[in-house]
Protein backbone atom coordinates (compact mmCIF):
# COMPACT_ATOMS: atom_id res chain seq x y z
CA UNK A 1 0.00 0.00 0.00
CA UNK A 2 1.49 3.38 -0.98
CA UNK A 3 1.27 6.55 1.12
CA UNK A 4 -1.72 7.92 -0.83
CA UNK A 5 -3.76 4.82 0.05
CA UNK A 6 -2.96 4.85 3.77
CA UNK A 7 -5.31 7.63 4.76
CA UNK A 8 -5.16 11.32 5.54
CA UNK A 9 -2.11 13.26 6.56
CA UNK A 10 -1.41 13.30 10.27
CA UNK A 11 -3.07 16.23 12.07
CA UNK A 12 0.05 18.29 12.86
CA UNK A 13 1.21 18.12 9.23
CA UNK A 14 -2.28 18.98 7.98
CA UNK A 15 -2.42 21.99 10.32
CA UNK A 16 0.98 23.24 9.14
CA UNK A 17 0.11 22.82 5.46
CA UNK A 18 -3.26 24.51 6.00
CA UNK A 19 -1.48 27.53 7.44
CA UNK A 20 0.69 27.70 4.31
CA UNK A 21 -2.31 27.50 1.97
CA UNK A 22 -4.21 30.05 4.08
CA UNK A 23 -1.29 32.47 3.83
CA UNK A 24 -1.57 32.29 0.03
CA UNK A 25 -5.37 32.57 -0.03
CA UNK A 26 -5.20 36.20 -1.10
CA UNK A 27 -4.26 37.48 -4.55
CA UNK A 28 -2.11 40.32 -3.18
CA UNK A 29 -0.10 37.90 -1.03
CA UNK A 30 0.44 35.69 -4.08
CA UNK A 31 1.65 38.78 -5.97
CA UNK A 32 4.04 39.70 -3.15
CA UNK A 33 5.47 36.17 -2.94
CA UNK A 34 5.90 35.97 -6.71
CA UNK A 35 7.52 39.43 -6.80
CA UNK A 36 10.04 38.56 -4.08
CA UNK A 37 10.76 35.17 -5.65
CA UNK A 38 11.28 36.62 -9.13
CA UNK A 39 13.37 39.59 -8.01
CA UNK A 40 15.55 37.40 -5.80
CA UNK A 41 16.77 40.33 -3.71
CA UNK A 42 15.51 41.88 -0.47
CA UNK A 43 13.00 44.67 -1.07
CA UNK A 44 11.66 47.48 1.10
CA UNK A 45 7.95 47.88 1.80
CA UNK A 46 8.00 50.96 -0.44
CA UNK A 47 9.41 48.97 -3.36
CA UNK A 48 6.80 46.26 -2.85
CA UNK A 49 3.99 48.84 -2.61
CA UNK A 50 5.10 50.39 -5.89
CA UNK A 51 5.29 47.02 -7.65
CA UNK A 52 1.94 45.59 -6.51
CA UNK A 53 0.11 48.95 -6.53
CA UNK A 54 -1.51 48.46 -3.12
CA UNK A 55 -1.30 50.75 -0.09
CA UNK A 56 1.52 50.56 2.42
CA UNK A 57 -0.66 49.43 5.34
CA UNK A 58 -2.15 46.63 3.22
CA UNK A 59 1.27 45.44 2.05
CA UNK A 60 2.59 45.54 5.62
CA UNK A 61 -0.36 43.44 6.83
CA UNK A 62 0.23 40.90 4.06
CA UNK A 63 3.96 40.75 4.79
CA UNK A 64 3.14 40.00 8.43
CA UNK A 65 0.98 37.01 7.41
CA UNK A 66 3.63 35.75 4.98
CA UNK A 67 6.41 36.11 7.54
CA UNK A 68 4.40 34.23 10.20
CA UNK A 69 4.50 31.10 8.02
CA UNK A 70 8.12 31.89 7.05
CA UNK A 71 7.44 32.29 3.31
CA UNK A 72 8.97 35.74 3.64
CA UNK A 73 11.92 36.69 5.82
CA UNK A 74 12.68 40.17 7.15
CA UNK A 75 16.16 41.63 7.35
CA UNK A 76 16.72 44.73 9.48
CA UNK A 77 19.30 47.25 8.31
CA UNK A 78 19.40 50.09 10.79
CA UNK A 79 15.82 51.32 11.04
CA UNK A 80 14.84 49.88 7.65
CA UNK A 81 13.28 46.48 6.98
CA UNK A 82 13.84 44.51 3.81
CA UNK A 83 11.81 41.46 2.84
CA UNK A 84 12.94 38.45 0.85
CA UNK A 85 11.58 35.08 -0.12
CA UNK A 86 12.53 32.14 2.09
CA UNK A 87 14.10 29.94 -0.57
CA UNK A 88 13.77 26.84 1.64
CA UNK A 89 9.98 27.24 1.40
CA UNK A 90 10.15 27.39 -2.38
CA UNK A 91 11.32 23.78 -2.17
CA UNK A 92 8.87 22.85 0.61
CA UNK A 93 5.60 24.13 -0.79
CA UNK A 94 5.32 22.00 -3.95
CA UNK A 95 5.89 18.94 -1.80
CA UNK A 96 3.07 20.04 0.50
CA UNK A 97 0.75 20.47 -2.48
CA UNK A 98 1.72 17.03 -3.83
CA UNK A 99 1.11 15.34 -0.48
CA UNK A 100 -2.25 17.03 0.06
CA UNK A 101 -3.34 15.92 -3.41
CA UNK A 102 -2.28 12.32 -2.71
CA UNK A 103 0.96 12.25 -4.69
CA UNK A 104 4.13 10.92 -3.15
CA UNK A 105 6.76 13.57 -2.60
CA UNK A 106 10.37 13.45 -1.53
CA UNK A 107 11.13 14.57 1.99
CA UNK A 108 11.10 18.37 1.80
CA UNK A 109 13.61 20.59 3.57
CA UNK A 110 12.32 22.43 6.60
CA UNK A 111 10.79 25.83 5.94
CA UNK A 112 13.26 27.70 8.08
CA UNK A 113 16.22 29.69 6.86
CA UNK A 114 19.53 27.93 6.81
CA UNK A 115 22.55 29.45 8.56
CA UNK A 116 23.78 30.43 5.10
CA UNK A 117 20.75 32.64 4.57
CA UNK A 118 18.42 30.46 2.50
């Protein structure tokens, strides 16, 4: 019997994956994640606001949600904050989608930054 036939995901894994999907359940958050992933460099809130054409308070609220699930990481430079994609989660998320949809997936890396700054 393969993993897809065994039954549902265990509860803690399902809760974690649900939080990831919930974080992306907004078009603006998807735009922010795709922007940061495509640019590949840390960006200020102002730069993100300009790119997604949404107000600063809205972008800040979305960045908070995305950082809570570690899709986005914040780097402080003096009094400024710069946001970047958590590249470890880029590898994690497709595996989560595969597992939820019943496909086997290789063991994903953890969705936390590596000491090298992933």
